[in-house]
Protein backbone atom coordinates (compact mmCIF):
# COMPACT_ATOMS: atom_id res chain seq x y z
CA MET A 1 0.05 -0.18 -0.13
CA LYS A 2 1.25 3.41 -0.80
CA ARG A 3 1.69 5.90 1.91
CA ARG A 4 0.85 9.64 1.60
CA GLN A 5 3.22 12.21 1.98
CA ALA A 6 2.53 14.65 4.90
CA THR A 7 1.95 17.53 2.31
CA GLU A 8 -0.40 15.35 -0.02
CA ALA A 9 -4.03 16.51 0.09
CA ILE A 10 -6.74 13.75 1.19
CA GLN A 11 -10.06 13.76 -0.48
CA TYR A 12 -13.40 13.19 1.70
CA THR A 13 -16.94 12.31 0.74
CA LEU A 14 -19.61 13.94 2.92
CA ARG A 15 -23.05 12.18 3.09
CA ASN A 16 -26.03 13.40 5.04
CA VAL A 17 -25.25 16.86 5.31
CA PRO A 18 -27.86 18.78 6.97
CA PRO A 19 -29.73 21.41 4.86
CA GLY A 20 -29.06 24.29 7.42
CA VAL A 21 -25.22 23.36 7.30
CA ASP A 22 -25.32 23.16 3.44
CA ARG A 23 -27.14 26.44 3.16
CA ALA A 24 -24.78 28.23 5.47
CA LEU A 25 -21.89 27.21 3.59
CA ARG A 26 -23.23 28.15 0.16
CA GLN A 27 -24.05 31.20 1.42
CA ARG A 28 -20.81 32.14 3.01
CA ALA A 29 -18.98 30.88 -0.02
CA LYS A 30 -21.10 33.25 -2.12
CA GLN A 31 -20.60 36.08 0.20
CA LEU A 32 -16.89 35.49 0.37
CA SER A 33 -16.84 34.92 -3.56
CA ARG A 34 -14.97 31.75 -2.63
CA SER A 35 -15.32 27.93 -3.65
CA LEU A 36 -17.90 25.85 -1.58
CA ASN A 37 -15.01 23.46 -1.11
CA ASP A 38 -12.62 26.21 0.36
CA VAL A 39 -15.48 27.60 3.10
CA ALA A 40 -16.11 23.83 3.90
CA ILE A 41 -12.57 22.96 4.65
CA GLU A 42 -12.04 26.31 6.67
CA ALA A 43 -15.25 25.52 8.54
CA LEU A 44 -13.77 21.80 9.14
CA MET A 45 -10.52 23.29 10.51
CA ARG A 46 -12.19 25.84 12.89
CA GLY A 47 -14.15 23.08 14.09
CA ALA A 48 -11.30 20.92 14.51
CA GLY A 49 -9.39 23.93 16.60
CA ILE A 50 -6.96 24.38 13.64
CA THR A 51 -7.22 27.96 12.86
CA HIS A 52 -3.80 29.33 12.00
CA GLU A 53 -2.59 26.77 9.85
CA PRO A 54 -2.33 28.29 6.26
CA ILE A 55 -4.17 26.64 3.36
CA GLU A 56 -1.69 26.05 0.44
CA GLN A 57 -3.14 26.54 -2.73
CA HIS A 58 -2.04 24.93 -6.10
CA ASP A 59 -4.38 26.20 -8.54
CA LEU A 60 -1.88 28.08 -10.81
CA ASP A 61 1.19 25.97 -10.26
CA PHE A 62 1.43 24.88 -13.76
CA LEU A 63 2.08 28.52 -14.82
CA PHE A 64 5.09 29.06 -12.79
CA GLY A 65 8.40 29.37 -14.81
CA SER A 66 6.13 29.65 -18.05
CA TRP A 67 6.82 33.00 -18.79
CA VAL A 68 8.05 33.90 -22.44
CA ASP A 69 9.25 37.16 -23.69
CA ASP A 70 7.22 37.99 -26.71
CA PRO A 71 8.19 41.31 -28.49
CA GLU A 72 5.04 41.43 -30.34
CA VAL A 73 2.79 41.39 -27.19
CA ASP A 74 5.10 44.06 -25.64
CA LYS A 75 4.51 46.39 -28.63
CA ALA A 76 0.62 45.92 -28.70
CA LEU A 77 0.55 46.42 -24.93
CA GLU A 78 2.49 49.62 -25.49
CA GLU A 79 0.58 50.96 -28.10
CA GLN A 80 -2.35 50.30 -25.84
CA ARG A 81 -0.96 52.21 -22.90
CA GLN A 82 -0.88 55.66 -24.86
CA ILE A 83 -2.77 58.31 -23.67
CA ASP A 84 -5.16 60.14 -26.28
CA PRO A 85 -5.11 63.78 -25.11
CA GLU A 86 -8.47 64.46 -27.20
CA LEU A 87 -9.99 61.71 -25.07
CA TRP A 88 -9.52 63.78 -21.66
CA LYS A 89 -10.85 66.97 -22.81
């Protein structure tokens, strides 16, 4: 059997979530503009007494180190950044 690394995320499936809990979590997620998953994990952490442990996000890891300089894009962006004095009268 393969052992999990300490930093590897574990997945749960929760059943029989009371309707009131579901409504509260969904409402909080909407208010904070966060995912239901993030809000539910935050609630579990608070309930378990783990409030100061940072949540490590990996959503954009695939972009790390992928920047490529493109002179054509730089030129187009520079043209868009020009201020037209006639529009500001």
